[in-house]
């Protein structure tokens, strides 16, 4: 089944959000050696990571529901 033209930009943005969130997590953790998500000084950046991934997953789920 071909993607509808309206869903394609949403799907691309959602995939980019998921990839960006994962790369942010890996990059930040590797650069600052901060793999503990619950350390008080790193909570904001990992909160942003979780939000990016959740919005990406939600966007993909919504494009599936529209079909």
PDB file of N, CA and C in Angstrom:
ATOM      1  N   UNK A   1       0.848  -1.166   0.000  1.00  0.00           N
ATOM      2  CA  UNK A   1       0.000   0.000   0.000  1.00  0.00           C
ATOM      3  C   UNK A   1       0.902   1.241   0.000  1.00  0.00           C
ATOM      4  N   UNK A   2       0.631   2.146  -0.880  1.00  0.00           N
ATOM      5  CA  UNK A   2       1.422   3.366  -0.976  1.00  0.00           C
ATOM      6  C   UNK A   2       1.020   4.345   0.117  1.00  0.00           C
ATOM      7  N   UNK A   3       2.024   5.125   0.570  1.00  0.00           N
ATOM      8  CA  UNK A   3       1.741   6.146   1.577  1.00  0.00           C
ATOM      9  C   UNK A   3       0.961   7.290   0.957  1.00  0.00           C
ATOM     10  N   UNK A   4       0.043   7.828   1.728  1.00  0.00           N
ATOM     11  CA  UNK A   4      -0.680   9.008   1.278  1.00  0.00           C
ATOM     12  C   UNK A   4       0.282  10.191   1.355  1.00  0.00           C
ATOM     13  N   UNK A   5       0.152  11.171   0.456  1.00  0.00           N
ATOM     14  CA  UNK A   5       1.075  12.305   0.455  1.00  0.00           C
ATOM     15  C   UNK A   5       1.045  13.106   1.754  1.00  0.00           C
ATOM     16  N   UNK A   6      -0.075  13.114   2.455  1.00  0.00           N
ATOM     17  CA  UNK A   6      -0.169  13.875   3.701  1.00  0.00           C
ATOM     18  C   UNK A   6       0.619  13.184   4.806  1.00  0.00           C
ATOM     19  N   UNK A   7       0.630  11.862   4.817  1.00  0.00           N
ATOM     20  CA  UNK A   7       1.296  11.116   5.871  1.00  0.00           C
ATOM     21  C   UNK A   7       2.808  11.064   5.709  1.00  0.00           C
ATOM     22  N   UNK A   8       3.315  11.250   4.509  1.00  0.00           N
ATOM     23  CA  UNK A   8       4.744  11.103   4.267  1.00  0.00           C
ATOM     24  C   UNK A   8       5.589  12.100   5.064  1.00  0.00           C
ATOM     25  N   UNK A   9       5.286  13.405   5.073  1.00  0.00           N
ATOM     26  CA  UNK A   9       6.100  14.321   5.880  1.00  0.00           C
ATOM     27  C   UNK A   9       6.034  14.016   7.381  1.00  0.00           C
ATOM     28  N   UNK A  10       4.880  13.594   7.860  1.00  0.00           N
ATOM     29  CA  UNK A  10       4.744  13.255   9.278  1.00  0.00           C
ATOM     30  C   UNK A  10       5.587  12.029   9.598  1.00  0.00           C
ATOM     31  N   UNK A  11       5.576  11.061   8.704  1.00  0.00           N
ATOM     32  CA  UNK A  11       6.357   9.843   8.918  1.00  0.00           C
ATOM     33  C   UNK A  11       7.853  10.154   8.905  1.00  0.00           C
ATOM     34  N   UNK A  12       8.294  10.993   7.984  1.00  0.00           N
ATOM     35  CA  UNK A  12       9.709  11.367   7.910  1.00  0.00           C
ATOM     36  C   UNK A  12      10.127  12.124   9.162  1.00  0.00           C
ATOM     37  N   UNK A  13       9.318  13.079   9.600  1.00  0.00           N
ATOM     38  CA  UNK A  13       9.630  13.831  10.809  1.00  0.00           C
ATOM     39  C   UNK A  13       9.670  12.923  12.030  1.00  0.00           C
ATOM     40  N   UNK A  14       8.762  11.976  12.099  1.00  0.00           N
ATOM     41  CA  UNK A  14       8.729  11.053  13.230  1.00  0.00           C
ATOM     42  C   UNK A  14       9.980  10.184  13.272  1.00  0.00           C
ATOM     43  N   UNK A  15      10.391   9.695  12.128  1.00  0.00           N
ATOM     44  CA  UNK A  15      11.604   8.876  12.072  1.00  0.00           C
ATOM     45  C   UNK A  15      12.828   9.709  12.436  1.00  0.00           C
ATOM     46  N   UNK A  16      12.872  10.953  11.966  1.00  0.00           N
ATOM     47  CA  UNK A  16      13.990  11.833  12.320  1.00  0.00           C
ATOM     48  C   UNK A  16      14.019  12.142  13.816  1.00  0.00           C
ATOM     49  N   UNK A  17      12.849  12.300  14.433  1.00  0.00           N
ATOM     50  CA  UNK A  17      12.801  12.528  15.875  1.00  0.00           C
ATOM     51  C   UNK A  17      13.329  11.321  16.649  1.00  0.00           C
ATOM     52  N   UNK A  18      12.962  10.136  16.228  1.00  0.00           N
ATOM     53  CA  UNK A  18      13.443   8.930  16.906  1.00  0.00           C
ATOM     54  C   UNK A  18      14.957   8.794  16.745  1.00  0.00           C
ATOM     55  N   UNK A  19      15.442   8.964  15.529  1.00  0.00           N
ATOM     56  CA  UNK A  19      16.881   8.860  15.285  1.00  0.00           C
ATOM     57  C   UNK A  19      17.632   9.952  16.038  1.00  0.00           C
ATOM     58  N   UNK A  20      17.099  11.177  16.020  1.00  0.00           N
ATOM     59  CA  UNK A  20      17.736  12.276  16.744  1.00  0.00           C
ATOM     60  C   UNK A  20      17.785  12.036  18.242  1.00  0.00           C
ATOM     61  N   UNK A  21      16.717  11.491  18.797  1.00  0.00           N
ATOM     62  CA  UNK A  21      16.698  11.190  20.226  1.00  0.00           C
ATOM     63  C   UNK A  21      17.716  10.140  20.605  1.00  0.00           C
ATOM     64  N   UNK A  22      17.829   9.104  19.784  1.00  0.00           N
ATOM     65  CA  UNK A  22      18.808   8.053  20.060  1.00  0.00           C
ATOM     66  C   UNK A  22      20.230   8.588  19.914  1.00  0.00           C
ATOM     67  N   UNK A  23      20.475   9.372  18.864  1.00  0.00           N
ATOM     68  CA  UNK A  23      21.807   9.949  18.680  1.00  0.00           C
ATOM     69  C   UNK A  23      22.154  10.942  19.785  1.00  0.00           C
ATOM     70  N   UNK A  24      21.174  11.690  20.262  1.00  0.00           N
ATOM     71  CA  UNK A  24      21.406  12.608  21.369  1.00  0.00           C
ATOM     72  C   UNK A  24      21.800  11.845  22.625  1.00  0.00           C
ATOM     73  N   UNK A  25      21.109  10.750  22.898  1.00  0.00           N
ATOM     74  CA  UNK A  25      21.419   9.930  24.068  1.00  0.00           C
ATOM     75  C   UNK A  25      22.833   9.352  23.979  1.00  0.00           C
ATOM     76  N   UNK A  26      23.167   8.779  22.832  1.00  0.00           N
ATOM     77  CA  UNK A  26      24.485   8.165  22.667  1.00  0.00           C
ATOM     78  C   UNK A  26      25.584   9.226  22.658  1.00  0.00           C
ATOM     79  N   UNK A  27      25.363  10.314  21.934  1.00  0.00           N
ATOM     80  CA  UNK A  27      26.370  11.369  21.851  1.00  0.00           C
ATOM     81  C   UNK A  27      26.636  12.038  23.184  1.00  0.00           C
ATOM     82  N   UNK A  28      25.586  12.397  23.891  1.00  0.00           N
ATOM     83  CA  UNK A  28      25.739  13.057  25.189  1.00  0.00           C
ATOM     84  C   UNK A  28      26.393  12.113  26.200  1.00  0.00           C
ATOM     85  N   UNK A  29      25.963  10.864  26.198  1.00  0.00           N
ATOM     86  CA  UNK A  29      26.533   9.891  27.125  1.00  0.00           C
ATOM     87  C   UNK A  29      28.002   9.633  26.847  1.00  0.00           C
ATOM     88  N   UNK A  30      28.377   9.553  25.579  1.00  0.00           N
ATOM     89  CA  UNK A  30      29.773   9.297  25.228  1.00  0.00           C
ATOM     90  C   UNK A  30      30.654  10.513  25.505  1.00  0.00           C
ATOM     91  N   UNK A  31      30.157  11.696  25.203  1.00  0.00           N
ATOM     92  CA  UNK A  31      30.972  12.897  25.371  1.00  0.00           C
ATOM     93  C   UNK A  31      31.182  13.245  26.840  1.00  0.00           C
ATOM     94  N   UNK A  32      30.112  13.164  27.625  1.00  0.00           N
ATOM     95  CA  UNK A  32      30.202  13.549  29.032  1.00  0.00           C
ATOM     96  C   UNK A  32      30.314  12.350  29.973  1.00  0.00           C
ATOM     97  N   UNK A  33      30.376  11.130  29.424  1.00  0.00           N
ATOM     98  CA  UNK A  33      30.451   9.906  30.220  1.00  0.00           C
ATOM     99  C   UNK A  33      29.355   9.903  31.283  1.00  0.00           C
ATOM    100  N   UNK A  34      28.145  10.148  30.839  1.00  0.00           N
ATOM    101  CA  UNK A  34      27.012  10.322  31.754  1.00  0.00           C
ATOM    102  C   UNK A  34      25.896   9.351  31.403  1.00  0.00           C
ATOM    103  N   UNK A  35      26.079   8.091  31.671  1.00  0.00           N
ATOM    104  CA  UNK A  35      25.084   7.094  31.307  1.00  0.00           C
ATOM    105  C   UNK A  35      24.019   6.930  32.376  1.00  0.00           C
ATOM    106  N   UNK A  36      24.177   7.581  33.522  1.00  0.00           N
ATOM    107  CA  UNK A  36      23.181   7.504  34.591  1.00  0.00           C
ATOM    108  C   UNK A  36      22.106   8.554  34.332  1.00  0.00           C
ATOM    109  N   UNK A  37      20.930   8.115  33.915  1.00  0.00           N
ATOM    110  CA  UNK A  37      19.844   9.043  33.579  1.00  0.00           C
ATOM    111  C   UNK A  37      19.297   9.764  34.802  1.00  0.00           C
ATOM    112  N   UNK A  38      19.528   9.225  35.982  1.00  0.00           N
ATOM    113  CA  UNK A  38      18.911   9.768  37.183  1.00  0.00           C
ATOM    114  C   UNK A  38      19.848  10.656  37.985  1.00  0.00           C
ATOM    115  N   UNK A  39      21.046  10.917  37.479  1.00  0.00           N
ATOM    116  CA  UNK A  39      21.929  11.877  38.131  1.00  0.00           C
ATOM    117  C   UNK A  39      21.315  13.264  37.954  1.00  0.00           C
ATOM    118  N   UNK A  40      21.240  14.056  39.015  1.00  0.00           N
ATOM    119  CA  UNK A  40      20.522  15.343  38.938  1.00  0.00           C
ATOM    120  C   UNK A  40      21.030  16.291  37.852  1.00  0.00           C
ATOM    121  N   UNK A  41      22.310  16.274  37.552  1.00  0.00           N
ATOM    122  CA  UNK A  41      22.831  17.227  36.565  1.00  0.00           C
ATOM    123  C   UNK A  41      22.534  16.818  35.122  1.00  0.00           C
ATOM    124  N   UNK A  42      22.098  15.571  34.895  1.00  0.00           N
ATOM    125  CA  UNK A  42      21.840  15.111  33.532  1.00  0.00           C
ATOM    126  C   UNK A  42      20.364  14.871  33.235  1.00  0.00           C
ATOM    127  N   UNK A  43      19.493  15.089  34.174  1.00  0.00           N
ATOM    128  CA  UNK A  43      18.069  14.819  33.963  1.00  0.00           C
ATOM    129  C   UNK A  43      17.471  15.659  32.820  1.00  0.00           C
ATOM    130  N   UNK A  44      17.786  16.957  32.682  1.00  0.00           N
ATOM    131  CA  UNK A  44      17.151  17.728  31.590  1.00  0.00           C
ATOM    132  C   UNK A  44      17.472  17.205  30.190  1.00  0.00           C
ATOM    133  N   UNK A  45      18.716  16.819  29.938  1.00  0.00           N
ATOM    134  CA  UNK A  45      19.057  16.361  28.588  1.00  0.00           C
ATOM    135  C   UNK A  45      18.411  15.018  28.291  1.00  0.00           C
ATOM    136  N   UNK A  46      18.324  14.154  29.291  1.00  0.00           N
ATOM    137  CA  UNK A  46      17.680  12.872  29.058  1.00  0.00           C
ATOM    138  C   UNK A  46      16.162  13.028  29.004  1.00  0.00           C
ATOM    139  N   UNK A  47      15.631  14.033  29.668  1.00  0.00           N
ATOM    140  CA  UNK A  47      14.205  14.340  29.526  1.00  0.00           C
ATOM    141  C   UNK A  47      13.882  14.756  28.098  1.00  0.00           C
ATOM    142  N   UNK A  48      14.753  15.562  27.504  1.00  0.00           N
ATOM    143  CA  UNK A  48      14.582  15.962  26.105  1.00  0.00           C
ATOM    144  C   UNK A  48      14.661  14.747  25.182  1.00  0.00           C
ATOM    145  N   UNK A  49      15.567  13.826  25.488  1.00  0.00           N
ATOM    146  CA  UNK A  49      15.694  12.605  24.697  1.00  0.00           C
ATOM    147  C   UNK A  49      14.406  11.795  24.732  1.00  0.00           C
ATOM    148  N   UNK A  50      13.843  11.623  25.913  1.00  0.00           N
ATOM    149  CA  UNK A  50      12.607  10.851  26.058  1.00  0.00           C
ATOM    150  C   UNK A  50      11.462  11.522  25.307  1.00  0.00           C
ATOM    151  N   UNK A  51      11.369  12.838  25.391  1.00  0.00           N
ATOM    152  CA  UNK A  51      10.307  13.566  24.694  1.00  0.00           C
ATOM    153  C   UNK A  51      10.441  13.407  23.179  1.00  0.00           C
ATOM    154  N   UNK A  52      11.665  13.511  22.662  1.00  0.00           N
ATOM    155  CA  UNK A  52      11.874  13.353  21.218  1.00  0.00           C
ATOM    156  C   UNK A  52      11.456  11.960  20.751  1.00  0.00           C
ATOM    157  N   UNK A  53      11.860  10.943  21.494  1.00  0.00           N
ATOM    158  CA  UNK A  53      11.519   9.573  21.096  1.00  0.00           C
ATOM    159  C   UNK A  53      10.017   9.339  21.204  1.00  0.00           C
ATOM    160  N   UNK A  54       9.390   9.835  22.264  1.00  0.00           N
ATOM    161  CA  UNK A  54       7.948   9.637  22.422  1.00  0.00           C
ATOM    162  C   UNK A  54       7.151  10.339  21.326  1.00  0.00           C
ATOM    163  N   UNK A  55       7.540  11.569  20.976  1.00  0.00           N
ATOM    164  CA  UNK A  55       6.843  12.258  19.886  1.00  0.00           C
ATOM    165  C   UNK A  55       7.056  11.537  18.551  1.00  0.00           C
ATOM    166  N   UNK A  56       8.234  10.971  18.339  1.00  0.00           N
ATOM    167  CA  UNK A  56       8.475  10.201  17.121  1.00  0.00           C
ATOM    168  C   UNK A  56       7.603   8.964  17.049  1.00  0.00           C
ATOM    169  N   UNK A  57       7.520   8.234  18.150  1.00  0.00           N
ATOM    170  CA  UNK A  57       6.682   7.030  18.188  1.00  0.00           C
ATOM    171  C   UNK A  57       5.210   7.403  18.037  1.00  0.00           C
ATOM    172  N   UNK A  58       4.789   8.475  18.693  1.00  0.00           N
ATOM    173  CA  UNK A  58       3.403   8.927  18.580  1.00  0.00           C
ATOM    174  C   UNK A  58       3.073   9.340  17.144  1.00  0.00           C
ATOM    175  N   UNK A  59       3.994  10.024  16.487  1.00  0.00           N
ATOM    176  CA  UNK A  59       3.774  10.412  15.093  1.00  0.00           C
ATOM    177  C   UNK A  59       3.636   9.212  14.176  1.00  0.00           C
ATOM    178  N   UNK A  60       4.482   8.202  14.378  1.00  0.00           N
ATOM    179  CA  UNK A  60       4.366   6.988  13.565  1.00  0.00           C
ATOM    180  C   UNK A  60       3.054   6.263  13.839  1.00  0.00           C
ATOM    181  N   UNK A  61       2.638   6.242  15.094  1.00  0.00           N
ATOM    182  CA  UNK A  61       1.369   5.585  15.433  1.00  0.00           C
ATOM    183  C   UNK A  61       0.191   6.325  14.796  1.00  0.00           C
ATOM    184  N   UNK A  62       0.245   7.647  14.792  1.00  0.00           N
ATOM    185  CA  UNK A  62      -0.849   8.420  14.192  1.00  0.00           C
ATOM    186  C   UNK A  62      -0.915   8.237  12.678  1.00  0.00           C
ATOM    187  N   UNK A  63       0.226   8.105  12.019  1.00  0.00           N
ATOM    188  CA  UNK A  63       0.178   7.865  10.574  1.00  0.00           C
ATOM    189  C   UNK A  63      -0.389   6.486  10.276  1.00  0.00           C
ATOM    190  N   UNK A  64      -0.153   5.531  11.154  1.00  0.00           N
ATOM    191  CA  UNK A  64      -0.747   4.195  10.969  1.00  0.00           C
ATOM    192  C   UNK A  64      -2.258   4.252  11.153  1.00  0.00           C
ATOM    193  N   UNK A  65      -2.712   5.036  12.133  1.00  0.00           N
ATOM    194  CA  UNK A  65      -4.150   5.127  12.388  1.00  0.00           C
ATOM    195  C   UNK A  65      -4.885   5.857  11.265  1.00  0.00           C
ATOM    196  N   UNK A  66      -4.218   6.814  10.611  1.00  0.00           N
ATOM    197  CA  UNK A  66      -4.853   7.553   9.521  1.00  0.00           C
ATOM    198  C   UNK A  66      -5.075   6.673   8.299  1.00  0.00           C
ATOM    199  N   UNK A  67      -4.233   5.661   8.122  1.00  0.00           N
ATOM    200  CA  UNK A  67      -4.376   4.756   6.966  1.00  0.00           C
ATOM    201  C   UNK A  67      -5.553   3.878   7.182  1.00  0.00           C
TER     202      UNK A  67
END
